[in-house]
C-alpha atoms as a PDB file:
ATOM      1  CA  MET A   1      12.902   6.225  -6.497  1.00  0.00           C
ATOM      2  CA  GLN A   2      11.883   6.891  -2.887  1.00  0.00           C
ATOM      3  CA  ARG A   3       8.579   5.351  -1.906  1.00  0.00           C
ATOM      4  CA  CYS A   4       5.838   7.528  -0.395  1.00  0.00           C
ATOM      5  CA  ALA A   5       3.208   6.614   2.186  1.00  0.00           C
ATOM      6  CA  ILE A   6       0.266   8.599   3.532  1.00  0.00           C
ATOM      7  CA  VAL A   7      -0.658   7.750   7.121  1.00  0.00           C
ATOM      8  CA  VAL A   8      -4.146   8.887   8.107  1.00  0.00           C
ATOM      9  CA  GLY A   9      -4.341   8.898  11.892  1.00  0.00           C
ATOM     10  CA  ALA A  10      -0.649   9.577  12.380  1.00  0.00           C
ATOM     11  CA  GLY A  11      -1.233  11.112  15.811  1.00  0.00           C
ATOM     12  CA  GLY A  12      -2.324   7.867  17.489  1.00  0.00           C
ATOM     13  CA  GLN A  13      -0.195   5.074  18.931  1.00  0.00           C
ATOM     14  CA  ASP A  14      -0.371   2.996  15.751  1.00  0.00           C
ATOM     15  CA  GLY A  15       0.426   6.023  13.618  1.00  0.00           C
ATOM     16  CA  HIS A  16       3.468   6.807  15.735  1.00  0.00           C
ATOM     17  CA  TYR A  17       4.964   3.326  15.431  1.00  0.00           C
ATOM     18  CA  LEU A  18       3.993   2.957  11.769  1.00  0.00           C
ATOM     19  CA  CYS A  19       5.586   6.278  10.778  1.00  0.00           C
ATOM     20  CA  ARG A  20       8.728   5.217  12.610  1.00  0.00           C
ATOM     21  CA  GLU A  21       8.854   1.897  10.734  1.00  0.00           C
ATOM     22  CA  LEU A  22       8.191   3.524   7.372  1.00  0.00           C
ATOM     23  CA  THR A  23      10.844   6.184   7.952  1.00  0.00           C
ATOM     24  CA  THR A  24      13.330   3.494   8.954  1.00  0.00           C
ATOM     25  CA  ARG A  25      12.528   1.707   5.697  1.00  0.00           C
ATOM     26  CA  GLY A  26      13.451   4.897   3.850  1.00  0.00           C
ATOM     27  CA  ASP A  27       9.967   5.996   2.798  1.00  0.00           C
ATOM     28  CA  ARG A  28       8.762   9.540   2.492  1.00  0.00           C
ATOM     29  CA  VAL A  29       5.918   9.753   5.023  1.00  0.00           C
ATOM     30  CA  VAL A  30       3.039  12.214   4.760  1.00  0.00           C
ATOM     31  CA  ARG A  31       1.260  12.367   8.107  1.00  0.00           C
ATOM     32  CA  ILE A  32      -2.391  13.284   8.519  1.00  0.00           C
ATOM     33  CA  ALA A  33      -3.576  14.005  12.048  1.00  0.00           C
ATOM     34  CA  ARG A  34      -6.441  15.965  13.582  1.00  0.00           C
ATOM     35  CA  THR A  35      -4.291  19.094  13.448  1.00  0.00           C
ATOM     36  CA  GLY A  36      -3.586  18.898   9.713  1.00  0.00           C
ATOM     37  CA  VAL A  37      -1.217  17.319   7.194  1.00  0.00           C
ATOM     38  CA  TYR A  38       2.536  17.445   7.484  1.00  0.00           C
ATOM     39  CA  GLY A  39       5.686  15.673   6.369  1.00  0.00           C
ATOM     40  CA  ASP A  40       8.412  17.236   4.294  1.00  0.00           C
ATOM     41  CA  MET A  41       5.948  19.949   3.259  1.00  0.00           C
ATOM     42  CA  ALA A  42       4.878  22.823   5.505  1.00  0.00           C
ATOM     43  CA  LYS A  43       2.163  21.816   7.954  1.00  0.00           C
ATOM     44  CA  ARG A  44      -1.251  22.958   6.778  1.00  0.00           C
ATOM     45  CA  PRO A  45      -4.911  22.417   7.651  1.00  0.00           C
ATOM     46  CA  PHE A  46      -6.464  19.305   6.143  1.00  0.00           C
ATOM     47  CA  ASP A  47      -9.859  17.634   6.324  1.00  0.00           C
ATOM     48  CA  VAL A  48      -9.974  13.974   5.349  1.00  0.00           C
ATOM     49  CA  LEU A  49     -13.774  14.349   5.137  1.00  0.00           C
ATOM     50  CA  ASN A  50     -13.347  16.710   2.171  1.00  0.00           C
ATOM     51  CA  VAL A  51     -13.332  14.538  -0.943  1.00  0.00           C
ATOM     52  CA  ASP A  52     -11.646  17.177  -3.117  1.00  0.00           C
ATOM     53  CA  ALA A  53      -8.907  17.850  -0.556  1.00  0.00           C
ATOM     54  CA  VAL A  54      -8.085  14.149  -0.366  1.00  0.00           C
ATOM     55  CA  ALA A  55      -7.937  13.813  -4.151  1.00  0.00           C
ATOM     56  CA  ASP A  56      -5.720  16.887  -4.405  1.00  0.00           C
ATOM     57  CA  LEU A  57      -3.300  15.481  -1.799  1.00  0.00           C
ATOM     58  CA  VAL A  58      -3.069  12.130  -3.578  1.00  0.00           C
ATOM     59  CA  ARG A  59      -2.435  13.973  -6.846  1.00  0.00           C
ATOM     60  CA  GLU A  60       0.266  16.068  -5.159  1.00  0.00           C
ATOM     61  CA  VAL A  61       2.293  13.368  -3.380  1.00  0.00           C
ATOM     62  CA  LEU A  62       1.471  10.286  -5.547  1.00  0.00           C
ATOM     63  CA  PRO A  63       1.573   7.802  -2.652  1.00  0.00           C
ATOM     64  CA  ASP A  64       2.564   4.190  -3.124  1.00  0.00           C
ATOM     65  CA  GLU A  65       0.650   3.296   0.050  1.00  0.00           C
ATOM     66  CA  ILE A  66      -2.127   4.744   2.208  1.00  0.00           C
ATOM     67  CA  TYR A  67      -2.627   3.531   5.764  1.00  0.00           C
ATOM     68  CA  TYR A  68      -6.056   4.479   7.073  1.00  0.00           C
ATOM     69  CA  LEU A  69      -5.758   4.246  10.867  1.00  0.00           C
ATOM     70  CA  ALA A  70      -8.120   7.040  11.906  1.00  0.00           C
ATOM     71  CA  ALA A  71     -10.473   5.947  14.689  1.00  0.00           C
ATOM     72  CA  HIS A  72     -13.078   7.381  17.017  1.00  0.00           C
ATOM     73  CA  HIS A  73     -12.026   5.709  20.278  1.00  0.00           C
ATOM     74  CA  HIS A  74     -13.572   5.405  23.690  1.00  0.00           C
ATOM     75  CA  SER A  75     -12.686   2.945  26.444  1.00  0.00           C
ATOM     76  CA  SER A  76     -15.001   0.424  28.133  1.00  0.00           C
ATOM     77  CA  GLN A  77     -14.954   2.613  31.233  1.00  0.00           C
ATOM     78  CA  GLU A  78     -16.335   5.659  29.411  1.00  0.00           C
ATOM     79  CA  GLY A  79     -20.039   6.290  28.974  1.00  0.00           C
ATOM     80  CA  THR A  80     -20.973   6.491  25.298  1.00  0.00           C
ATOM     81  CA  GLY A  81     -23.572   9.263  25.538  1.00  0.00           C
ATOM     82  CA  SER A  82     -26.066   9.410  22.658  1.00  0.00           C
ATOM     83  CA  LEU A  83     -25.868   6.362  20.393  1.00  0.00           C
ATOM     84  CA  ARG A  84     -26.932   8.491  17.413  1.00  0.00           C
ATOM     85  CA  ALA A  85     -24.147  11.010  18.020  1.00  0.00           C
ATOM     86  CA  LEU A  86     -21.594   8.246  18.526  1.00  0.00           C
ATOM     87  CA  LEU A  87     -22.672   6.508  15.312  1.00  0.00           C
ATOM     88  CA  ASP A  88     -22.522   9.765  13.362  1.00  0.00           C
ATOM     89  CA  GLU A  89     -19.016  10.610  14.618  1.00  0.00           C
ATOM     90  CA  SER A  90     -17.757   7.059  14.128  1.00  0.00           C
ATOM     91  CA  TYR A  91     -19.202   6.823  10.626  1.00  0.00           C
ATOM     92  CA  GLU A  92     -17.491  10.021   9.523  1.00  0.00           C
ATOM     93  CA  ILE A  93     -14.077   8.911  10.777  1.00  0.00           C
ATOM     94  CA  HIS A  94     -14.263   5.209   9.946  1.00  0.00           C
ATOM     95  CA  CYS A  95     -16.114   5.369   6.643  1.00  0.00           C
ATOM     96  CA  VAL A  96     -16.425   8.790   4.968  1.00  0.00           C
ATOM     97  CA  GLY A  97     -12.722   9.605   5.162  1.00  0.00           C
ATOM     98  CA  LEU A  98     -11.870   6.076   4.018  1.00  0.00           C
ATOM     99  CA  GLN A  99     -14.211   6.308   1.045  1.00  0.00           C
ATOM    100  CA  ASN A 100     -12.598   9.611   0.078  1.00  0.00           C
ATOM    101  CA  CYS A 101      -9.194   7.898   0.022  1.00  0.00           C
ATOM    102  CA  LEU A 102     -10.518   4.973  -2.025  1.00  0.00           C
ATOM    103  CA  ASN A 103     -12.203   7.377  -4.438  1.00  0.00           C
ATOM    104  CA  ALA A 104      -8.949   9.329  -4.846  1.00  0.00           C
ATOM    105  CA  MET A 105      -7.110   6.102  -5.631  1.00  0.00           C
ATOM    106  CA  SER A 106      -9.739   5.164  -8.214  1.00  0.00           C
ATOM    107  CA  VAL A 107      -9.685   8.549  -9.939  1.00  0.00           C
ATOM    108  CA  VAL A 108      -6.100   9.728  -9.476  1.00  0.00           C
ATOM    109  CA  ARG A 109      -3.695   6.867  -8.763  1.00  0.00           C
ATOM    110  CA  ARG A 110      -4.971   3.313  -9.162  1.00  0.00           C
ATOM    111  CA  GLU A 111      -1.636   1.688  -8.342  1.00  0.00           C
ATOM    112  CA  THR A 112      -1.696   3.015  -4.767  1.00  0.00           C
ATOM    113  CA  ARG A 113      -2.233   0.325  -2.123  1.00  0.00           C
ATOM    114  CA  LEU A 114      -4.447   0.938   0.915  1.00  0.00           C
ATOM    115  CA  PHE A 115      -4.540  -0.658   4.358  1.00  0.00           C
ATOM    116  CA  TYR A 116      -7.597  -0.158   6.565  1.00  0.00           C
ATOM    117  CA  ALA A 117      -7.451  -0.688  10.323  1.00  0.00           C
ATOM    118  CA  ALA A 118     -10.597  -2.621  11.223  1.00  0.00           C
ATOM    119  CA  SER A 119     -11.362  -4.095  14.645  1.00  0.00           C
ATOM    120  CA  SER A 120     -12.222  -7.379  16.338  1.00  0.00           C
ATOM    121  CA  LEU A 121     -15.405  -5.615  17.487  1.00  0.00           C
ATOM    122  CA  ILE A 122     -16.865  -6.380  14.049  1.00  0.00           C
ATOM    123  CA  PHE A 123     -17.511  -9.887  15.406  1.00  0.00           C
ATOM    124  CA  GLY A 124     -19.803  -8.629  18.176  1.00  0.00           C
ATOM    125  CA  ASP A 125     -20.548 -11.584  20.472  1.00  0.00           C
ATOM    126  CA  PRO A 126     -18.957 -14.294  18.316  1.00  0.00           C
ATOM    127  CA  ALA A 127     -20.352 -17.789  18.023  1.00  0.00           C
ATOM    128  CA  GLU A 128     -16.859 -19.265  18.236  1.00  0.00           C
ATOM    129  CA  SER A 129     -13.515 -18.581  19.845  1.00  0.00           C
ATOM    130  CA  PRO A 130     -10.922 -18.129  18.517  1.00  0.00           C
ATOM    131  CA  GLN A 131     -12.285 -16.227  15.546  1.00  0.00           C
ATOM    132  CA  THR A 132     -11.049 -16.641  11.986  1.00  0.00           C
ATOM    133  CA  GLU A 133     -11.606 -14.591   8.847  1.00  0.00           C
ATOM    134  CA  ASP A 134     -14.660 -16.823   8.202  1.00  0.00           C
ATOM    135  CA  THR A 135     -16.355 -16.138  11.545  1.00  0.00           C
ATOM    136  CA  PRO A 136     -19.712 -14.356  11.024  1.00  0.00           C
ATOM    137  CA  MET A 137     -19.484 -10.618  11.640  1.00  0.00           C
ATOM    138  CA  ALA A 138     -22.348  -9.258  13.761  1.00  0.00           C
ATOM    139  CA  PRO A 139     -21.267  -6.088  15.602  1.00  0.00           C
ATOM    140  CA  PHE A 140     -23.515  -4.443  18.188  1.00  0.00           C
ATOM    141  CA  CYS A 141     -21.534  -1.319  19.161  1.00  0.00           C
ATOM    142  CA  ALA A 142     -21.034   1.859  17.131  1.00  0.00           C
ATOM    143  CA  TYR A 143     -17.304   1.236  16.780  1.00  0.00           C
ATOM    144  CA  GLY A 144     -17.806  -2.292  15.444  1.00  0.00           C
ATOM    145  CA  VAL A 145     -20.734  -1.386  13.169  1.00  0.00           C
ATOM    146  CA  THR A 146     -18.849   1.419  11.451  1.00  0.00           C
ATOM    147  CA  LYS A 147     -15.568  -0.486  11.249  1.00  0.00           C
ATOM    148  CA  LEU A 148     -17.433  -3.318   9.498  1.00  0.00           C
ATOM    149  CA  ASN A 149     -18.802  -0.762   7.067  1.00  0.00           C
ATOM    150  CA  GLY A 150     -15.195   0.236   6.375  1.00  0.00           C
ATOM    151  CA  VAL A 151     -14.281  -3.385   5.644  1.00  0.00           C
ATOM    152  CA  GLY A 152     -17.187  -3.493   3.195  1.00  0.00           C
ATOM    153  CA  LEU A 153     -15.943  -0.348   1.453  1.00  0.00           C
ATOM    154  CA  CYS A 154     -12.507  -1.913   0.959  1.00  0.00           C
ATOM    155  CA  ARG A 155     -14.086  -5.030  -0.510  1.00  0.00           C
ATOM    156  CA  ALA A 156     -16.405  -3.023  -2.765  1.00  0.00           C
ATOM    157  CA  TYR A 157     -13.556  -0.999  -4.272  1.00  0.00           C
ATOM    158  CA  ARG A 158     -11.431  -4.132  -4.511  1.00  0.00           C
ATOM    159  CA  VAL A 159     -14.068  -6.097  -6.423  1.00  0.00           C
ATOM    160  CA  ASN A 160     -15.664  -3.344  -8.494  1.00  0.00           C
ATOM    161  CA  GLU A 161     -12.707  -1.039  -9.137  1.00  0.00           C
ATOM    162  CA  GLY A 162      -9.833  -3.521  -8.998  1.00  0.00           C
ATOM    163  CA  LEU A 163      -7.991  -1.545  -6.314  1.00  0.00           C
ATOM    164  CA  PHE A 164      -5.488  -2.972  -3.853  1.00  0.00           C
ATOM    165  CA  ALA A 165      -7.458  -2.305  -0.649  1.00  0.00           C
ATOM    166  CA  CYS A 166      -7.216  -4.622   2.330  1.00  0.00           C
ATOM    167  CA  ALA A 167      -8.405  -4.621   5.929  1.00  0.00           C
ATOM    168  CA  GLY A 168      -6.590  -5.819   9.001  1.00  0.00           C
ATOM    169  CA  ILE A 169      -8.964  -7.051  11.699  1.00  0.00           C
ATOM    170  CA  LEU A 170      -6.982  -5.777  14.654  1.00  0.00           C
ATOM    171  CA  TYR A 171      -7.385  -7.175  18.153  1.00  0.00           C
ATOM    172  CA  ASN A 172      -6.365  -5.280  21.293  1.00  0.00           C
ATOM    173  CA  HIS A 173      -2.880  -3.899  20.955  1.00  0.00           C
ATOM    174  CA  GLU A 174      -1.108  -1.676  23.430  1.00  0.00           C
ATOM    175  CA  SER A 175       1.957   0.476  23.969  1.00  0.00           C
ATOM    176  CA  PRO A 176       3.247   3.178  26.315  1.00  0.00           C
ATOM    177  CA  LEU A 177       1.454   5.618  23.993  1.00  0.00           C
ATOM    178  CA  ARG A 178      -1.988   4.209  24.753  1.00  0.00           C
ATOM    179  CA  HIS A 179      -4.335   6.858  26.231  1.00  0.00           C
ATOM    180  CA  ARG A 180      -4.507   6.873  30.034  1.00  0.00           C
ATOM    181  CA  ASP A 181      -8.233   6.060  29.938  1.00  0.00           C
ATOM    182  CA  PHE A 182      -7.510   2.552  28.638  1.00  0.00           C
ATOM    183  CA  VAL A 183      -7.038  -0.187  31.200  1.00  0.00           C
ATOM    184  CA  THR A 184      -3.485  -1.227  30.303  1.00  0.00           C
ATOM    185  CA  ARG A 185      -2.077   2.303  30.457  1.00  0.00           C
ATOM    186  CA  LYS A 186      -4.172   3.029  33.541  1.00  0.00           C
ATOM    187  CA  ILE A 187      -2.570   0.048  35.299  1.00  0.00           C
ATOM    188  CA  ALA A 188       0.960   0.973  34.197  1.00  0.00           C
ATOM    189  CA  CYS A 189       0.491   4.564  35.401  1.00  0.00           C
ATOM    190  CA  ALA A 190      -0.954   3.405  38.727  1.00  0.00           C
ATOM    191  CA  VAL A 191       1.956   1.050  39.345  1.00  0.00           C
ATOM    192  CA  ALA A 192       4.447   3.857  38.776  1.00  0.00           C
ATOM    193  CA  ASP A 193       2.482   6.265  40.986  1.00  0.00           C
ATOM    194  CA  ILE A 194       2.085   3.762  43.809  1.00  0.00           C
ATOM    195  CA  TYR A 195       5.748   2.817  43.614  1.00  0.00           C
ATOM    196  CA  ARG A 196       6.652   6.504  43.961  1.00  0.00           C
ATOM    197  CA  GLU A 197       4.097   6.834  46.802  1.00  0.00           C
ATOM    198  CA  ARG A 198       1.981   9.245  44.772  1.00  0.00           C
ATOM    199  CA  GLY A 199      -1.063   6.975  44.937  1.00  0.00           C
ATOM    200  CA  SER A 200      -2.406   4.060  46.906  1.00  0.00           C
ATOM    201  CA  ARG A 201      -5.326   2.410  45.098  1.00  0.00           C
ATOM    202  CA  LEU A 202      -6.731   1.779  41.635  1.00  0.00           C
ATOM    203  CA  GLU A 203     -10.335   0.907  40.789  1.00  0.00           C
ATOM    204  CA  LEU A 204     -10.765  -1.535  37.915  1.00  0.00           C
ATOM    205  CA  GLY A 205     -13.669  -3.391  36.345  1.00  0.00           C
ATOM    206  CA  ALA A 206     -13.823  -7.176  35.929  1.00  0.00           C
ATOM    207  CA  LEU A 207     -10.366  -8.571  36.721  1.00  0.00           C
ATOM    208  CA  ASP A 208     -11.266 -11.898  35.134  1.00  0.00           C
ATOM    209  CA  ALA A 209     -12.143 -10.339  31.767  1.00  0.00           C
ATOM    210  CA  GLN A 210     -10.107 -12.072  29.050  1.00  0.00           C
ATOM    211  CA  VAL A 211      -8.314 -10.125  26.318  1.00  0.00           C
ATOM    212  CA  ASP A 212      -6.154 -11.012  23.319  1.00  0.00           C
ATOM    213  CA  TRP A 213      -3.344  -8.437  23.689  1.00  0.00           C
ATOM    214  CA  SER A 214      -0.521  -7.662  21.264  1.00  0.00           C
ATOM    215  CA  ALA A 215       2.106  -4.926  21.088  1.00  0.00           C
ATOM    216  CA  ALA A 216       1.282  -1.994  18.796  1.00  0.00           C
ATOM    217  CA  GLU A 217       4.720  -2.092  17.220  1.00  0.00           C
ATOM    218  CA  ASP A 218       4.127  -5.720  16.180  1.00  0.00           C
ATOM    219  CA  VAL A 219       0.728  -4.860  14.729  1.00  0.00           C
ATOM    220  CA  VAL A 220       2.071  -2.098  12.476  1.00  0.00           C
ATOM    221  CA  ARG A 221       4.638  -4.513  11.056  1.00  0.00           C
ATOM    222  CA  ALA A 222       1.702  -6.733  10.082  1.00  0.00           C
ATOM    223  CA  MET A 223       0.086  -3.787   8.269  1.00  0.00           C
ATOM    224  CA  MET A 224       3.191  -3.262   6.183  1.00  0.00           C
ATOM    225  CA  ALA A 225       3.465  -6.981   5.458  1.00  0.00           C
ATOM    226  CA  MET A 226      -0.112  -7.100   4.172  1.00  0.00           C
ATOM    227  CA  LEU A 227       0.608  -4.374   1.616  1.00  0.00           C
ATOM    228  CA  SER A 228       3.646  -6.298   0.368  1.00  0.00           C
ATOM    229  CA  LEU A 229       1.561  -9.239  -0.883  1.00  0.00           C
ATOM    230  CA  ASP A 230       0.803  -9.853  -4.548  1.00  0.00           C
ATOM    231  CA  GLU A 231      -2.961  -9.715  -3.997  1.00  0.00           C
ATOM    232  CA  PRO A 232      -5.067  -7.797  -1.449  1.00  0.00           C
ATOM    233  CA  ARG A 233      -6.539  -9.926   1.331  1.00  0.00           C
ATOM    234  CA  ASP A 234      -8.157  -9.225   4.686  1.00  0.00           C
ATOM    235  CA  PHE A 235      -6.474 -10.790   7.711  1.00  0.00           C
ATOM    236  CA  ILE A 236      -6.884 -11.107  11.451  1.00  0.00           C
ATOM    237  CA  VAL A 237      -3.986  -9.531  13.359  1.00  0.00           C
ATOM    238  CA  ALA A 238      -3.821 -10.976  16.871  1.00  0.00           C
ATOM    239  CA  SER A 239      -1.639 -12.849  19.324  1.00  0.00           C
ATOM    240  CA  GLY A 240      -4.113 -15.720  19.620  1.00  0.00           C
ATOM    241  CA  VAL A 241      -3.451 -15.916  23.366  1.00  0.00           C
ATOM    242  CA  LEU A 242      -5.898 -14.831  26.059  1.00  0.00           C
ATOM    243  CA  HIS A 243      -4.840 -13.141  29.281  1.00  0.00           C
ATOM    244  CA  THR A 244      -7.031 -11.701  32.002  1.00  0.00           C
ATOM    245  CA  VAL A 245      -6.886  -8.167  33.322  1.00  0.00           C
ATOM    246  CA  ARG A 246      -5.725  -9.833  36.536  1.00  0.00           C
ATOM    247  CA  ASP A 247      -2.762 -11.341  34.655  1.00  0.00           C
ATOM    248  CA  PHE A 248      -1.773  -7.856  33.503  1.00  0.00           C
ATOM    249  CA  VAL A 249      -2.140  -6.452  37.018  1.00  0.00           C
ATOM    250  CA  VAL A 250      -0.144  -9.247  38.663  1.00  0.00           C
ATOM    251  CA  ARG A 251       2.696  -8.925  36.172  1.00  0.00           C
ATOM    252  CA  ALA A 252       2.738  -5.117  36.387  1.00  0.00           C
ATOM    253  CA  PHE A 253       2.853  -4.928  40.202  1.00  0.00           C
ATOM    254  CA  SER A 254       5.381  -7.763  40.449  1.00  0.00           C
ATOM    255  CA  LEU A 255       7.851  -5.686  38.411  1.00  0.00           C
ATOM    256  CA  VAL A 256       8.134  -3.255  41.338  1.00  0.00           C
ATOM    257  CA  GLY A 257       7.905  -5.888  44.075  1.00  0.00           C
ATOM    258  CA  LEU A 258       4.337  -5.089  45.140  1.00  0.00           C
ATOM    259  CA  ASP A 259       1.304  -7.300  45.786  1.00  0.00           C
ATOM    260  CA  TYR A 260      -1.569  -6.072  43.624  1.00  0.00           C
ATOM    261  CA  ARG A 261      -4.114  -7.177  46.251  1.00  0.00           C
ATOM    262  CA  ASP A 262      -2.963  -4.330  48.482  1.00  0.00           C
ATOM    263  CA  HIS A 263      -3.741  -1.723  45.835  1.00  0.00           C
ATOM    264  CA  ILE A 264      -6.530  -2.887  43.489  1.00  0.00           C
ATOM    265  CA  LEU A 265     -10.254  -2.487  44.106  1.00  0.00           C
ATOM    266  CA  GLU A 266     -12.487  -4.443  41.724  1.00  0.00           C
ATOM    267  CA  PHE A 267     -15.594  -2.505  40.752  1.00  0.00           C
ATOM    268  CA  PRO A 268     -17.493  -4.092  37.807  1.00  0.00           C
ATOM    269  CA  GLY A 269     -19.921  -1.157  37.710  1.00  0.00           C
ATOM    270  CA  ILE A 270     -17.186   0.910  36.030  1.00  0.00           C
ATOM    271  CA  LEU A 271     -17.712  -0.959  32.761  1.00  0.00           C
ATOM    272  CA  HIS A 272     -20.249   0.352  30.265  1.00  0.00           C
ATOM    273  CA  ARG A 273     -19.991  -2.317  27.551  1.00  0.00           C
ATOM    274  CA  PRO A 274     -22.089  -5.498  27.593  1.00  0.00           C
ATOM    275  CA  LEU A 275     -20.199  -8.672  28.424  1.00  0.00           C
ATOM    276  CA  ARG A 276     -19.723 -11.340  25.759  1.00  0.00           C
ATOM    277  CA  LYS A 277     -20.453 -15.018  26.149  1.00  0.00           C
ATOM    278  CA  ARG A 278     -17.169 -15.807  24.393  1.00  0.00           C
ATOM    279  CA  PRO A 279     -13.951 -13.789  24.446  1.00  0.00           C
ATOM    280  CA  LEU A 280     -12.525 -12.016  21.413  1.00  0.00           C
ATOM    281  CA  CYS A 281      -9.462 -14.096  20.532  1.00  0.00           C
ATOM    282  CA  GLY A 282      -7.992 -14.024  17.046  1.00  0.00           C
ATOM    283  CA  ASP A 283      -6.581 -16.844  14.942  1.00  0.00           C
ATOM    284  CA  SER A 284      -3.896 -15.157  12.816  1.00  0.00           C
ATOM    285  CA  ARG A 285      -2.564 -18.294  11.104  1.00  0.00           C
ATOM    286  CA  ARG A 286      -3.559 -17.101   7.630  1.00  0.00           C
ATOM    287  CA  LEU A 287      -1.614 -13.855   8.093  1.00  0.00           C
ATOM    288  CA  ARG A 288       1.418 -15.717   9.423  1.00  0.00           C
ATOM    289  CA  THR A 289       1.359 -18.202   6.552  1.00  0.00           C
ATOM    290  CA  ALA A 290       0.898 -15.561   3.848  1.00  0.00           C
ATOM    291  CA  THR A 291       3.451 -13.029   5.113  1.00  0.00           C
ATOM    292  CA  GLY A 292       5.746 -14.770   7.611  1.00  0.00           C
ATOM    293  CA  TRP A 293       4.721 -12.232  10.252  1.00  0.00           C
ATOM    294  CA  GLN A 294       5.477 -13.167  13.848  1.00  0.00           C
ATOM    295  CA  PRO A 295       5.084 -11.012  16.985  1.00  0.00           C
ATOM    296  CA  LYS A 296       8.379  -9.958  18.557  1.00  0.00           C
ATOM    297  CA  LEU A 297       7.058  -8.896  21.959  1.00  0.00           C
ATOM    298  CA  SER A 298       5.396 -11.381  24.318  1.00  0.00           C
ATOM    299  CA  PHE A 299       2.659 -10.466  26.793  1.00  0.00           C
ATOM    300  CA  ASP A 300       5.224 -10.226  29.601  1.00  0.00           C
ATOM    301  CA  ASP A 301       7.463  -8.063  27.397  1.00  0.00           C
ATOM    302  CA  LEU A 302       4.563  -5.718  26.668  1.00  0.00           C
ATOM    303  CA  VAL A 303       3.605  -5.275  30.322  1.00  0.00           C
ATOM    304  CA  GLU A 304       7.220  -4.656  31.284  1.00  0.00           C
ATOM    305  CA  LEU A 305       7.678  -2.119  28.471  1.00  0.00           C
ATOM    306  CA  MET A 306       4.638  -0.147  29.597  1.00  0.00           C
ATOM    307  CA  VAL A 307       5.532  -0.165  33.289  1.00  0.00           C
ATOM    308  CA  ARG A 308       9.234   0.608  32.750  1.00  0.00           C
ATOM    309  CA  THR A 309       8.327   3.511  30.471  1.00  0.00           C
ATOM    310  CA  GLU A 310       6.060   5.016  33.141  1.00  0.00           C
ATOM    311  CA  LEU A 311       8.759   4.561  35.771  1.00  0.00           C
ATOM    312  CA  SER A 312      11.365   6.235  33.575  1.00  0.00           C
ATOM    313  CA  GLY A 313       9.121   9.081  32.513  1.00  0.00           C
ATOM    314  CA  GLU A 314      10.394   8.658  28.950  1.00  0.00           C
ATOM    315  CA  LYS A 315       8.289   8.851  25.795  1.00  0.00           C
ATOM    316  CA  GLN A 316       8.552   6.262  23.045  1.00  0.00           C
END
């Protein structure tokens, strides 16, 4: 019998690559995006915040898996506005919709397995680097606070209801589908524009900021691997290797034979997030041991993929 997966947040970069992997595996994929629900049924309006609508969908399609990827994103170069409004919006997307899915599993289909996309921001300003699954979680931003709440919901339904619900603590992961407001895509776009003589300079924040970057297509393979285990467990999904923004810039400009110093202006005032004493760097050894997962794309491969895609004008 054909397997079925519901992907909540199918319109984002992770949703795109995950749906592609699931379809390649032969699964029936039901996609939920901001514009509604679609798959092999006619596209129709859908609100993941409506508990009855979620239960009805689970009853209709009887999913083997649910991937909850929905996220309320903003980049470090965007102002956050009202903290209360940001918390309210983040809580709805990261927690209310998730709880509706977990409730539907509990009431309608207990054998369904759920993956929740959490974030390294749940660690806040960590006391150690690299972080492991045992590192204390003390978030200080709305995204991290609400994502940690989502991890708690998965654990609560796992312990109290016996459901297969697990969280992946995802570190930075990128692709050509990343929004242009995010630094990696911003750099890739600038390189292509400058190479074509459509631009001359790019303002960036702290070039020495360190980031643990992975490729989005590698991360979604880890999601699938986690749901294939015998028991639900939460894992860190990360490369475990730190690179600076400067490393990304140097590699990106070198691909078109340009010196980044002729085109980059460093302007730390762009950044709106507080700096950490220690970088967010993930130790994914437990995931690798449990599932055999290994990244396929290196840092250099990722930068080249993003720049080449912008130069070609092609979509992934």
